[in-house]
PDB file of N, CA and C in Angstrom:
ATOM      1  N   MET A   1     -20.508  -0.083   1.304  1.00  0.00           N
ATOM      2  CA  MET A   1     -19.658  -0.738   0.341  1.00  0.00           C
ATOM      3  C   MET A   1     -19.269  -2.111   0.899  1.00  0.00           C
ATOM      4  N   ASN A   2     -19.426  -3.141   0.099  1.00  0.00           N
ATOM      5  CA  ASN A   2     -19.080  -4.483   0.568  1.00  0.00           C
ATOM      6  C   ASN A   2     -17.569  -4.723   0.437  1.00  0.00           C
ATOM      7  N   ASP A   3     -17.104  -5.834   0.993  1.00  0.00           N
ATOM      8  CA  ASP A   3     -15.673  -6.144   1.015  1.00  0.00           C
ATOM      9  C   ASP A   3     -15.066  -6.199  -0.382  1.00  0.00           C
ATOM     10  N   GLU A   4     -15.760  -6.835  -1.302  1.00  0.00           N
ATOM     11  CA  GLU A   4     -15.244  -6.977  -2.665  1.00  0.00           C
ATOM     12  C   GLU A   4     -15.055  -5.608  -3.320  1.00  0.00           C
ATOM     13  N   GLU A   5     -16.015  -4.724  -3.130  1.00  0.00           N
ATOM     14  CA  GLU A   5     -15.907  -3.373  -3.690  1.00  0.00           C
ATOM     15  C   GLU A   5     -14.753  -2.598  -3.054  1.00  0.00           C
ATOM     16  N   LEU A   6     -14.582  -2.757  -1.745  1.00  0.00           N
ATOM     17  CA  LEU A   6     -13.473  -2.090  -1.045  1.00  0.00           C
ATOM     18  C   LEU A   6     -12.134  -2.513  -1.635  1.00  0.00           C
ATOM     19  N   VAL A   7     -11.945  -3.803  -1.780  1.00  0.00           N
ATOM     20  CA  VAL A   7     -10.678  -4.315  -2.305  1.00  0.00           C
ATOM     21  C   VAL A   7     -10.473  -3.846  -3.738  1.00  0.00           C
ATOM     22  N   LYS A   8     -11.497  -3.896  -4.549  1.00  0.00           N
ATOM     23  CA  LYS A   8     -11.381  -3.465  -5.942  1.00  0.00           C
ATOM     24  C   LYS A   8     -10.972  -1.995  -6.020  1.00  0.00           C
ATOM     25  N   ARG A   9     -11.599  -1.156  -5.226  1.00  0.00           N
ATOM     26  CA  ARG A   9     -11.258   0.270  -5.219  1.00  0.00           C
ATOM     27  C   ARG A   9      -9.841   0.503  -4.719  1.00  0.00           C
ATOM     28  N   TYR A  10      -9.428  -0.237  -3.694  1.00  0.00           N
ATOM     29  CA  TYR A  10      -8.074  -0.133  -3.156  1.00  0.00           C
ATOM     30  C   TYR A  10      -7.059  -0.495  -4.242  1.00  0.00           C
ATOM     31  N   VAL A  11      -7.275  -1.626  -4.890  1.00  0.00           N
ATOM     32  CA  VAL A  11      -6.367  -2.088  -5.942  1.00  0.00           C
ATOM     33  C   VAL A  11      -6.331  -1.086  -7.093  1.00  0.00           C
ATOM     34  N   ASP A  12      -7.475  -0.622  -7.536  1.00  0.00           N
ATOM     35  CA  ASP A  12      -7.522   0.340  -8.644  1.00  0.00           C
ATOM     36  C   ASP A  12      -6.765   1.618  -8.290  1.00  0.00           C
ATOM     37  N   ALA A  13      -6.992   2.132  -7.090  1.00  0.00           N
ATOM     38  CA  ALA A  13      -6.324   3.363  -6.671  1.00  0.00           C
ATOM     39  C   ALA A  13      -4.816   3.151  -6.529  1.00  0.00           C
ATOM     40  N   ALA A  14      -4.407   2.004  -5.999  1.00  0.00           N
ATOM     41  CA  ALA A  14      -2.972   1.717  -5.859  1.00  0.00           C
ATOM     42  C   ALA A  14      -2.302   1.609  -7.225  1.00  0.00           C
ATOM     43  N   ARG A  15      -2.961   0.960  -8.163  1.00  0.00           N
ATOM     44  CA  ARG A  15      -2.412   0.852  -9.530  1.00  0.00           C
ATOM     45  C   ARG A  15      -2.298   2.227 -10.176  1.00  0.00           C
ATOM     46  N   GLN A  16      -3.349   3.021 -10.045  1.00  0.00           N
ATOM     47  CA  GLN A  16      -3.330   4.352 -10.637  1.00  0.00           C
ATOM     48  C   GLN A  16      -2.266   5.231  -9.987  1.00  0.00           C
ATOM     49  N   HIS A  17      -2.073   5.058  -8.673  1.00  0.00           N
ATOM     50  CA  HIS A  17      -1.022   5.799  -7.989  1.00  0.00           C
ATOM     51  C   HIS A  17       0.336   5.412  -8.581  1.00  0.00           C
ATOM     52  N   GLY A  18       0.561   4.128  -8.759  1.00  0.00           N
ATOM     53  CA  GLY A  18       1.816   3.666  -9.339  1.00  0.00           C
ATOM     54  C   GLY A  18       2.054   4.243 -10.722  1.00  0.00           C
ATOM     55  N   LYS A  19       1.022   4.271 -11.540  1.00  0.00           N
ATOM     56  CA  LYS A  19       1.146   4.853 -12.887  1.00  0.00           C
ATOM     57  C   LYS A  19       1.444   6.343 -12.808  1.00  0.00           C
ATOM     58  N   ALA A  20       0.815   7.023 -11.868  1.00  0.00           N
ATOM     59  CA  ALA A  20       1.025   8.467 -11.725  1.00  0.00           C
ATOM     60  C   ALA A  20       2.446   8.794 -11.251  1.00  0.00           C
ATOM     61  N   MET A  21       3.101   7.828 -10.625  1.00  0.00           N
ATOM     62  CA  MET A  21       4.450   8.047 -10.107  1.00  0.00           C
ATOM     63  C   MET A  21       5.545   7.683 -11.100  1.00  0.00           C
ATOM     64  N   THR A  22       5.161   7.266 -12.312  1.00  0.00           N
ATOM     65  CA  THR A  22       6.156   6.991 -13.343  1.00  0.00           C
ATOM     66  C   THR A  22       6.276   8.221 -14.226  1.00  0.00           C
ATOM     67  N   ARG A  23       7.351   8.292 -14.941  1.00  0.00           N
ATOM     68  CA  ARG A  23       7.609   9.484 -15.766  1.00  0.00           C
ATOM     69  C   ARG A  23       6.682   9.545 -16.956  1.00  0.00           C
ATOM     70  N   PRO A  24       6.109  10.676 -17.249  1.00  0.00           N
ATOM     71  CA  PRO A  24       6.184  11.891 -16.431  1.00  0.00           C
ATOM     72  C   PRO A  24       5.310  11.752 -15.182  1.00  0.00           C
ATOM     73  N   ILE A  25       5.839  12.207 -14.063  1.00  0.00           N
ATOM     74  CA  ILE A  25       5.120  12.099 -12.792  1.00  0.00           C
ATOM     75  C   ILE A  25       3.941  13.066 -12.773  1.00  0.00           C
ATOM     76  N   ASP A  26       2.804  12.546 -12.367  1.00  0.00           N
ATOM     77  CA  ASP A  26       1.588  13.346 -12.206  1.00  0.00           C
ATOM     78  C   ASP A  26       1.272  13.394 -10.713  1.00  0.00           C
ATOM     79  N   SER A  27       1.890  14.343 -10.019  1.00  0.00           N
ATOM     80  CA  SER A  27       1.771  14.392  -8.559  1.00  0.00           C
ATOM     81  C   SER A  27       0.346  14.674  -8.101  1.00  0.00           C
ATOM     82  N   ASP A  28      -0.405  15.453  -8.866  1.00  0.00           N
ATOM     83  CA  ASP A  28      -1.799  15.711  -8.489  1.00  0.00           C
ATOM     84  C   ASP A  28      -2.610  14.423  -8.505  1.00  0.00           C
ATOM     85  N   ARG A  29      -2.415  13.631  -9.542  1.00  0.00           N
ATOM     86  CA  ARG A  29      -3.126  12.345  -9.643  1.00  0.00           C
ATOM     87  C   ARG A  29      -2.660  11.382  -8.554  1.00  0.00           C
ATOM     88  N   ALA A  30      -1.364  11.347  -8.307  1.00  0.00           N
ATOM     89  CA  ALA A  30      -0.831  10.471  -7.260  1.00  0.00           C
ATOM     90  C   ALA A  30      -1.408  10.852  -5.901  1.00  0.00           C
ATOM     91  N   ASN A  31      -1.471  12.135  -5.610  1.00  0.00           N
ATOM     92  CA  ASN A  31      -2.042  12.587  -4.332  1.00  0.00           C
ATOM     93  C   ASN A  31      -3.522  12.242  -4.232  1.00  0.00           C
ATOM     94  N   GLN A  32      -4.234  12.382  -5.323  1.00  0.00           N
ATOM     95  CA  GLN A  32      -5.657  12.036  -5.346  1.00  0.00           C
ATOM     96  C   GLN A  32      -5.850  10.550  -5.050  1.00  0.00           C
ATOM     97  N   MET A  33      -5.018   9.710  -5.649  1.00  0.00           N
ATOM     98  CA  MET A  33      -5.122   8.263  -5.420  1.00  0.00           C
ATOM     99  C   MET A  33      -4.721   7.914  -3.986  1.00  0.00           C
ATOM    100  N   SER A  34      -3.722   8.586  -3.441  1.00  0.00           N
ATOM    101  CA  SER A  34      -3.339   8.360  -2.041  1.00  0.00           C
ATOM    102  C   SER A  34      -4.501   8.660  -1.109  1.00  0.00           C
ATOM    103  N   ASP A  35      -5.190   9.763  -1.377  1.00  0.00           N
ATOM    104  CA  ASP A  35      -6.351  10.127  -0.550  1.00  0.00           C
ATOM    105  C   ASP A  35      -7.423   9.045  -0.598  1.00  0.00           C
ATOM    106  N   ILE A  36      -7.659   8.515  -1.793  1.00  0.00           N
ATOM    107  CA  ILE A  36      -8.660   7.456  -1.951  1.00  0.00           C
ATOM    108  C   ILE A  36      -8.224   6.200  -1.183  1.00  0.00           C
ATOM    109  N   ILE A  37      -6.962   5.842  -1.310  1.00  0.00           N
ATOM    110  CA  ILE A  37      -6.458   4.657  -0.607  1.00  0.00           C
ATOM    111  C   ILE A  37      -6.647   4.812   0.895  1.00  0.00           C
ATOM    112  N   PHE A  38      -6.319   5.973   1.437  1.00  0.00           N
ATOM    113  CA  PHE A  38      -6.455   6.176   2.877  1.00  0.00           C
ATOM    114  C   PHE A  38      -7.918   6.191   3.322  1.00  0.00           C
ATOM    115  N   GLU A  39      -8.806   6.683   2.487  1.00  0.00           N
ATOM    116  CA  GLU A  39     -10.239   6.631   2.821  1.00  0.00           C
ATOM    117  C   GLU A  39     -10.732   5.185   2.859  1.00  0.00           C
ATOM    118  N   ILE A  40     -10.279   4.391   1.904  1.00  0.00           N
ATOM    119  CA  ILE A  40     -10.653   2.969   1.885  1.00  0.00           C
ATOM    120  C   ILE A  40     -10.069   2.256   3.098  1.00  0.00           C
ATOM    121  N   LEU A  41      -8.827   2.572   3.436  1.00  0.00           N
ATOM    122  CA  LEU A  41      -8.203   1.958   4.604  1.00  0.00           C
ATOM    123  C   LEU A  41      -8.978   2.292   5.880  1.00  0.00           C
ATOM    124  N   LYS A  42      -9.458   3.507   5.990  1.00  0.00           N
ATOM    125  CA  LYS A  42     -10.266   3.880   7.157  1.00  0.00           C
ATOM    126  C   LYS A  42     -11.498   2.988   7.275  1.00  0.00           C
ATOM    127  N   VAL A  43     -12.143   2.723   6.154  1.00  0.00           N
ATOM    128  CA  VAL A  43     -13.322   1.848   6.163  1.00  0.00           C
ATOM    129  C   VAL A  43     -12.912   0.433   6.557  1.00  0.00           C
ATOM    130  N   MET A  44     -11.803  -0.046   6.003  1.00  0.00           N
ATOM    131  CA  MET A  44     -11.315  -1.389   6.358  1.00  0.00           C
ATOM    132  C   MET A  44     -11.029  -1.474   7.859  1.00  0.00           C
ATOM    133  N   ARG A  45     -10.444  -0.442   8.404  1.00  0.00           N
ATOM    134  CA  ARG A  45     -10.089  -0.449   9.827  1.00  0.00           C
ATOM    135  C   ARG A  45     -11.323  -0.382  10.727  1.00  0.00           C
ATOM    136  N   GLN A  46     -12.439   0.027  10.171  1.00  0.00           N
ATOM    137  CA  GLN A  46     -13.689   0.004  10.933  1.00  0.00           C
ATOM    138  C   GLN A  46     -14.261  -1.408  10.985  1.00  0.00           C
ATOM    139  N   ARG A  47     -13.672  -2.296  10.236  1.00  0.00           N
ATOM    140  CA  ARG A  47     -14.044  -3.706  10.206  1.00  0.00           C
ATOM    141  C   ARG A  47     -12.837  -4.532  10.641  1.00  0.00           C
ATOM    142  N   PRO A  48     -12.402  -4.380  11.900  1.00  0.00           N
ATOM    143  CA  PRO A  48     -11.147  -5.001  12.322  1.00  0.00           C
ATOM    144  C   PRO A  48     -11.085  -6.506  12.116  1.00  0.00           C
ATOM    145  N   ASP A  49     -12.217  -7.148  12.136  1.00  0.00           N
ATOM    146  CA  ASP A  49     -12.216  -8.589  11.902  1.00  0.00           C
ATOM    147  C   ASP A  49     -11.974  -8.925  10.431  1.00  0.00           C
ATOM    148  N   ARG A  50     -12.071  -7.933   9.553  1.00  0.00           N
ATOM    149  CA  ARG A  50     -11.930  -8.172   8.118  1.00  0.00           C
ATOM    150  C   ARG A  50     -10.653  -7.568   7.524  1.00  0.00           C
ATOM    151  N   GLU A  51     -10.046  -6.606   8.225  1.00  0.00           N
ATOM    152  CA  GLU A  51      -8.908  -5.884   7.660  1.00  0.00           C
ATOM    153  C   GLU A  51      -7.810  -6.825   7.165  1.00  0.00           C
ATOM    154  N   ARG A  52      -7.405  -7.766   7.987  1.00  0.00           N
ATOM    155  CA  ARG A  52      -6.344  -8.705   7.612  1.00  0.00           C
ATOM    156  C   ARG A  52      -6.770  -9.533   6.401  1.00  0.00           C
ATOM    157  N   THR A  53      -7.982 -10.024   6.425  1.00  0.00           N
ATOM    158  CA  THR A  53      -8.507 -10.849   5.336  1.00  0.00           C
ATOM    159  C   THR A  53      -8.563 -10.073   4.019  1.00  0.00           C
ATOM    160  N   LEU A  54      -8.851  -8.792   4.098  1.00  0.00           N
ATOM    161  CA  LEU A  54      -8.954  -7.976   2.894  1.00  0.00           C
ATOM    162  C   LEU A  54      -7.587  -7.610   2.324  1.00  0.00           C
ATOM    163  N   LEU A  55      -6.629  -7.304   3.195  1.00  0.00           N
ATOM    164  CA  LEU A  55      -5.318  -6.845   2.738  1.00  0.00           C
ATOM    165  C   LEU A  55      -4.352  -7.977   2.389  1.00  0.00           C
ATOM    166  N   GLU A  56      -4.413  -9.081   3.109  1.00  0.00           N
ATOM    167  CA  GLU A  56      -3.401 -10.127   2.950  1.00  0.00           C
ATOM    168  C   GLU A  56      -3.253 -10.647   1.514  1.00  0.00           C
ATOM    169  N   PRO A  57      -4.337 -10.924   0.790  1.00  0.00           N
ATOM    170  CA  PRO A  57      -4.161 -11.405  -0.589  1.00  0.00           C
ATOM    171  C   PRO A  57      -3.457 -10.392  -1.500  1.00  0.00           C
ATOM    172  N   LEU A  58      -3.525  -9.120  -1.145  1.00  0.00           N
ATOM    173  CA  LEU A  58      -2.912  -8.081  -1.972  1.00  0.00           C
ATOM    174  C   LEU A  58      -1.388  -8.098  -1.873  1.00  0.00           C
ATOM    175  N   LEU A  59      -0.854  -8.763  -0.866  1.00  0.00           N
ATOM    176  CA  LEU A  59       0.597  -8.874  -0.719  1.00  0.00           C
ATOM    177  C   LEU A  59       1.205  -9.700  -1.847  1.00  0.00           C
ATOM    178  N   ASP A  60       0.378 -10.464  -2.546  1.00  0.00           N
ATOM    179  CA  ASP A  60       0.836 -11.289  -3.670  1.00  0.00           C
ATOM    180  C   ASP A  60       0.331 -10.772  -5.018  1.00  0.00           C
ATOM    181  N   ASN A  61      -0.217  -9.582  -5.041  1.00  0.00           N
ATOM    182  CA  ASN A  61      -0.729  -9.008  -6.282  1.00  0.00           C
ATOM    183  C   ASN A  61       0.411  -8.854  -7.285  1.00  0.00           C
ATOM    184  N   LYS A  62       0.113  -8.996  -8.561  1.00  0.00           N
ATOM    185  CA  LYS A  62       1.163  -8.900  -9.581  1.00  0.00           C
ATOM    186  C   LYS A  62       1.703  -7.474  -9.725  1.00  0.00           C
ATOM    187  N   ASP A  63       0.936  -6.481  -9.305  1.00  0.00           N
ATOM    188  CA  ASP A  63       1.348  -5.083  -9.418  1.00  0.00           C
ATOM    189  C   ASP A  63       2.153  -4.666  -8.182  1.00  0.00           C
ATOM    190  N   ALA A  64       3.372  -4.211  -8.401  1.00  0.00           N
ATOM    191  CA  ALA A  64       4.245  -3.843  -7.283  1.00  0.00           C
ATOM    192  C   ALA A  64       3.683  -2.685  -6.468  1.00  0.00           C
ATOM    193  N   SER A  65       2.966  -1.778  -7.095  1.00  0.00           N
ATOM    194  CA  SER A  65       2.368  -0.658  -6.347  1.00  0.00           C
ATOM    195  C   SER A  65       1.302  -1.159  -5.381  1.00  0.00           C
ATOM    196  N   VAL A  66       0.508  -2.095  -5.838  1.00  0.00           N
ATOM    197  CA  VAL A  66      -0.519  -2.682  -4.971  1.00  0.00           C
ATOM    198  C   VAL A  66       0.150  -3.398  -3.804  1.00  0.00           C
ATOM    199  N   ARG A  67       1.183  -4.194  -4.107  1.00  0.00           N
ATOM    200  CA  ARG A  67       1.899  -4.909  -3.039  1.00  0.00           C
ATOM    201  C   ARG A  67       2.536  -3.941  -2.049  1.00  0.00           C
ATOM    202  N   CYS A  68       3.104  -2.866  -2.543  1.00  0.00           N
ATOM    203  CA  CYS A  68       3.769  -1.905  -1.674  1.00  0.00           C
ATOM    204  C   CYS A  68       2.771  -1.229  -0.733  1.00  0.00           C
ATOM    205  N   TRP A  69       1.655  -0.766  -1.276  1.00  0.00           N
ATOM    206  CA  TRP A  69       0.620  -0.140  -0.436  1.00  0.00           C
ATOM    207  C   TRP A  69       0.083  -1.148   0.580  1.00  0.00           C
ATOM    208  N   ALA A  70      -0.238  -2.341   0.120  1.00  0.00           N
ATOM    209  CA  ALA A  70      -0.808  -3.351   1.023  1.00  0.00           C
ATOM    210  C   ALA A  70       0.187  -3.727   2.114  1.00  0.00           C
ATOM    211  N   ALA A  71       1.445  -3.904   1.760  1.00  0.00           N
ATOM    212  CA  ALA A  71       2.459  -4.269   2.749  1.00  0.00           C
ATOM    213  C   ALA A  71       2.640  -3.147   3.775  1.00  0.00           C
ATOM    214  N   THR A  72       2.607  -1.923   3.315  1.00  0.00           N
ATOM    215  CA  THR A  72       2.710  -0.785   4.230  1.00  0.00           C
ATOM    216  C   THR A  72       1.579  -0.817   5.250  1.00  0.00           C
ATOM    217  N   HIS A  73       0.379  -1.062   4.781  1.00  0.00           N
ATOM    218  CA  HIS A  73      -0.778  -1.097   5.672  1.00  0.00           C
ATOM    219  C   HIS A  73      -0.871  -2.387   6.466  1.00  0.00           C
ATOM    220  N   PHE A  74      -0.094  -3.385   6.077  1.00  0.00           N
ATOM    221  CA  PHE A  74      -0.085  -4.674   6.767  1.00  0.00           C
ATOM    222  C   PHE A  74       0.959  -4.714   7.881  1.00  0.00           C
ATOM    223  N   LEU A  75       1.819  -3.722   7.951  1.00  0.00           N
ATOM    224  CA  LEU A  75       2.886  -3.709   8.957  1.00  0.00           C
ATOM    225  C   LEU A  75       2.365  -3.894  10.371  1.00  0.00           C
ATOM    226  N   SER A  76       1.254  -3.274  10.683  1.00  0.00           N
ATOM    227  CA  SER A  76       0.718  -3.372  12.045  1.00  0.00           C
ATOM    228  C   SER A  76      -0.024  -4.686  12.291  1.00  0.00           C
ATOM    229  N   LEU A  77      -0.282  -5.441  11.239  1.00  0.00           N
ATOM    230  CA  LEU A  77      -0.999  -6.711  11.360  1.00  0.00           C
ATOM    231  C   LEU A  77      -0.057  -7.912  11.421  1.00  0.00           C
ATOM    232  N   ASP A  78       0.980  -7.874  10.599  1.00  0.00           N
ATOM    233  CA  ASP A  78       1.963  -8.958  10.553  1.00  0.00           C
ATOM    234  C   ASP A  78       3.263  -8.350  10.035  1.00  0.00           C
ATOM    235  N   GLU A  79       4.026  -7.826  10.969  1.00  0.00           N
ATOM    236  CA  GLU A  79       5.234  -7.083  10.606  1.00  0.00           C
ATOM    237  C   GLU A  79       6.195  -7.909   9.756  1.00  0.00           C
ATOM    238  N   SER A  80       6.460  -9.141  10.133  1.00  0.00           N
ATOM    239  CA  SER A  80       7.455  -9.930   9.407  1.00  0.00           C
ATOM    240  C   SER A  80       7.035 -10.186   7.959  1.00  0.00           C
ATOM    241  N   ARG A  81       5.783 -10.481   7.755  1.00  0.00           N
ATOM    242  CA  ARG A  81       5.296 -10.726   6.380  1.00  0.00           C
ATOM    243  C   ARG A  81       5.365  -9.442   5.558  1.00  0.00           C
ATOM    244  N   ALA A  82       4.924  -8.325   6.154  1.00  0.00           N
ATOM    245  CA  ALA A  82       4.933  -7.038   5.447  1.00  0.00           C
ATOM    246  C   ALA A  82       6.360  -6.603   5.128  1.00  0.00           C
ATOM    247  N   VAL A  83       7.255  -6.760   6.078  1.00  0.00           N
ATOM    248  CA  VAL A  83       8.648  -6.370   5.867  1.00  0.00           C
ATOM    249  C   VAL A  83       9.266  -7.201   4.740  1.00  0.00           C
ATOM    250  N   ALA A  84       8.976  -8.481   4.689  1.00  0.00           N
ATOM    251  CA  ALA A  84       9.514  -9.329   3.614  1.00  0.00           C
ATOM    252  C   ALA A  84       9.076  -8.818   2.240  1.00  0.00           C
ATOM    253  N   VAL A  85       7.817  -8.448   2.122  1.00  0.00           N
ATOM    254  CA  VAL A  85       7.308  -7.925   0.842  1.00  0.00           C
ATOM    255  C   VAL A  85       7.994  -6.600   0.517  1.00  0.00           C
ATOM    256  N   LEU A  86       8.063  -5.709   1.497  1.00  0.00           N
ATOM    257  CA  LEU A  86       8.686  -4.406   1.271  1.00  0.00           C
ATOM    258  C   LEU A  86      10.178  -4.530   0.949  1.00  0.00           C
ATOM    259  N   GLU A  87      10.873  -5.456   1.591  1.00  0.00           N
ATOM    260  CA  GLU A  87      12.289  -5.657   1.283  1.00  0.00           C
ATOM    261  C   GLU A  87      12.472  -6.137  -0.152  1.00  0.00           C
ATOM    262  N   PHE A  88      11.603  -7.028  -0.611  1.00  0.00           N
ATOM    263  CA  PHE A  88      11.667  -7.497  -1.997  1.00  0.00           C
ATOM    264  C   PHE A  88      11.454  -6.327  -2.959  1.00  0.00           C
ATOM    265  N   ILE A  89      10.426  -5.528  -2.703  1.00  0.00           N
ATOM    266  CA  ILE A  89      10.122  -4.389  -3.571  1.00  0.00           C
ATOM    267  C   ILE A  89      11.242  -3.361  -3.523  1.00  0.00           C
ATOM    268  N   SER A  90      11.869  -3.188  -2.372  1.00  0.00           N
ATOM    269  CA  SER A  90      12.932  -2.181  -2.238  1.00  0.00           C
ATOM    270  C   SER A  90      14.127  -2.458  -3.145  1.00  0.00           C
ATOM    271  N   ARG A  91      14.255  -3.676  -3.613  1.00  0.00           N
ATOM    272  CA  ARG A  91      15.350  -4.022  -4.525  1.00  0.00           C
ATOM    273  C   ARG A  91      15.008  -3.721  -5.987  1.00  0.00           C
ATOM    274  N   MET A  92      13.780  -3.286  -6.234  1.00  0.00           N
ATOM    275  CA  MET A  92      13.374  -2.931  -7.594  1.00  0.00           C
ATOM    276  C   MET A  92      13.901  -1.538  -7.937  1.00  0.00           C
ATOM    277  N   LYS A  93      14.076  -1.314  -9.211  1.00  0.00           N
ATOM    278  CA  LYS A  93      14.525  -0.007  -9.676  1.00  0.00           C
ATOM    279  C   LYS A  93      13.358   0.968  -9.707  1.00  0.00           C
ATOM    280  N   GLY A  94      13.683   2.222  -9.633  1.00  0.00           N
ATOM    281  CA  GLY A  94      12.685   3.262  -9.810  1.00  0.00           C
ATOM    282  C   GLY A  94      12.019   3.703  -8.518  1.00  0.00           C
ATOM    283  N   VAL A  95      10.958   4.450  -8.702  1.00  0.00           N
ATOM    284  CA  VAL A  95      10.248   5.058  -7.587  1.00  0.00           C
ATOM    285  C   VAL A  95       9.676   4.015  -6.642  1.00  0.00           C
ATOM    286  N   ILE A  96       9.180   2.911  -7.164  1.00  0.00           N
ATOM    287  CA  ILE A  96       8.560   1.908  -6.301  1.00  0.00           C
ATOM    288  C   ILE A  96       9.578   1.298  -5.339  1.00  0.00           C
ATOM    289  N   GLY A  97      10.777   1.021  -5.813  1.00  0.00           N
ATOM    290  CA  GLY A  97      11.825   0.499  -4.946  1.00  0.00           C
ATOM    291  C   GLY A  97      12.226   1.503  -3.882  1.00  0.00           C
ATOM    292  N   PHE A  98      12.354   2.753  -4.302  1.00  0.00           N
ATOM    293  CA  PHE A  98      12.707   3.812  -3.349  1.00  0.00           C
ATOM    294  C   PHE A  98      11.602   3.992  -2.309  1.00  0.00           C
ATOM    295  N   THR A  99      10.362   3.939  -2.743  1.00  0.00           N
ATOM    296  CA  THR A  99       9.235   4.087  -1.821  1.00  0.00           C
ATOM    297  C   THR A  99       9.258   2.993  -0.763  1.00  0.00           C
ATOM    298  N   ALA A 100       9.423   1.758  -1.188  1.00  0.00           N
ATOM    299  CA  ALA A 100       9.460   0.643  -0.241  1.00  0.00           C
ATOM    300  C   ALA A 100      10.627   0.800   0.732  1.00  0.00           C
ATOM    301  N   GLU A 101      11.770   1.236   0.221  1.00  0.00           N
ATOM    302  CA  GLU A 101      12.938   1.455   1.071  1.00  0.00           C
ATOM    303  C   GLU A 101      12.651   2.523   2.135  1.00  0.00           C
ATOM    304  N   MET A 102      11.987   3.603   1.734  1.00  0.00           N
ATOM    305  CA  MET A 102      11.671   4.674   2.681  1.00  0.00           C
ATOM    306  C   MET A 102      10.616   4.240   3.704  1.00  0.00           C
ATOM    307  N   VAL A 103       9.650   3.445   3.271  1.00  0.00           N
ATOM    308  CA  VAL A 103       8.649   2.921   4.216  1.00  0.00           C
ATOM    309  C   VAL A 103       9.359   2.088   5.284  1.00  0.00           C
ATOM    310  N   LEU A 104      10.242   1.210   4.858  1.00  0.00           N
ATOM    311  CA  LEU A 104      10.981   0.374   5.812  1.00  0.00           C
ATOM    312  C   LEU A 104      11.824   1.219   6.757  1.00  0.00           C
ATOM    313  N   GLN A 105      12.502   2.189   6.208  1.00  0.00           N
ATOM    314  CA  GLN A 105      13.349   3.053   7.033  1.00  0.00           C
ATOM    315  C   GLN A 105      12.512   3.780   8.096  1.00  0.00           C
ATOM    316  N   GLU A 106      11.417   4.382   7.671  1.00  0.00           N
ATOM    317  CA  GLU A 106      10.572   5.133   8.601  1.00  0.00           C
ATOM    318  C   GLU A 106       9.910   4.215   9.629  1.00  0.00           C
ATOM    319  N   TRP A 107       9.526   3.016   9.225  1.00  0.00           N
ATOM    320  CA  TRP A 107       8.921   2.046  10.147  1.00  0.00           C
ATOM    321  C   TRP A 107       9.933   1.638  11.223  1.00  0.00           C
ATOM    322  N   ARG A 108      11.135   1.359  10.784  1.00  0.00           N
ATOM    323  CA  ARG A 108      12.161   0.870  11.712  1.00  0.00           C
ATOM    324  C   ARG A 108      12.595   1.913  12.749  1.00  0.00           C
ATOM    325  N   ILE A 109      12.495   3.183  12.398  1.00  0.00           N
ATOM    326  CA  ILE A 109      12.857   4.210  13.382  1.00  0.00           C
ATOM    327  C   ILE A 109      11.635   4.772  14.104  1.00  0.00           C
ATOM    328  N   GLY A 110      10.464   4.214  13.784  1.00  0.00           N
ATOM    329  CA  GLY A 110       9.263   4.578  14.523  1.00  0.00           C
ATOM    330  C   GLY A 110       8.583   5.858  14.091  1.00  0.00           C
ATOM    331  N   ARG A 111       8.870   6.308  12.884  1.00  0.00           N
ATOM    332  CA  ARG A 111       8.259   7.553  12.410  1.00  0.00           C
ATOM    333  C   ARG A 111       7.122   7.357  11.418  1.00  0.00           C
ATOM    334  N   LEU A 112       6.785   6.135  11.122  1.00  0.00           N
ATOM    335  CA  LEU A 112       5.718   5.888  10.158  1.00  0.00           C
ATOM    336  C   LEU A 112       4.390   5.825  10.885  1.00  0.00           C
ATOM    337  N   ALA A 113       3.536   6.780  10.595  1.00  0.00           N
ATOM    338  CA  ALA A 113       2.207   6.821  11.213  1.00  0.00           C
ATOM    339  C   ALA A 113       1.206   6.203  10.246  1.00  0.00           C
ATOM    340  N   LEU A 114       0.548   5.163  10.688  1.00  0.00           N
ATOM    341  CA  LEU A 114      -0.433   4.469   9.851  1.00  0.00           C
ATOM    342  C   LEU A 114      -1.816   4.638  10.458  1.00  0.00           C
ATOM    343  N   LEU A 115      -2.507   5.675  10.061  1.00  0.00           N
ATOM    344  CA  LEU A 115      -3.862   5.971  10.553  1.00  0.00           C
ATOM    345  C   LEU A 115      -4.029   5.620  12.011  1.00  0.00           C
TER     346      LEU A 115
END
């Protein structure tokens, strides 16, 4: 899979995950999309020279779910940039804001395991 396909699949799965987490919540679909995102991330991490280049543009994606996933995975690459994105999202209402808040909390206390 080339870089463009990886990013497209990541974005699609992140968007679908976000939709699955809105009411009514479809936890099976959300879990399926999470699995896909983590599989794509594994491939990205096998290309360490490309991981940053692939994820960084997603920090400005118009979809908050995409930004939240990308920022979470960007924490180990550029903590300050990722934290800024997550802090912005954490002020949003709903599940996405809560998710970003929990990612930040777990990261700050050292309990967030990122592949």
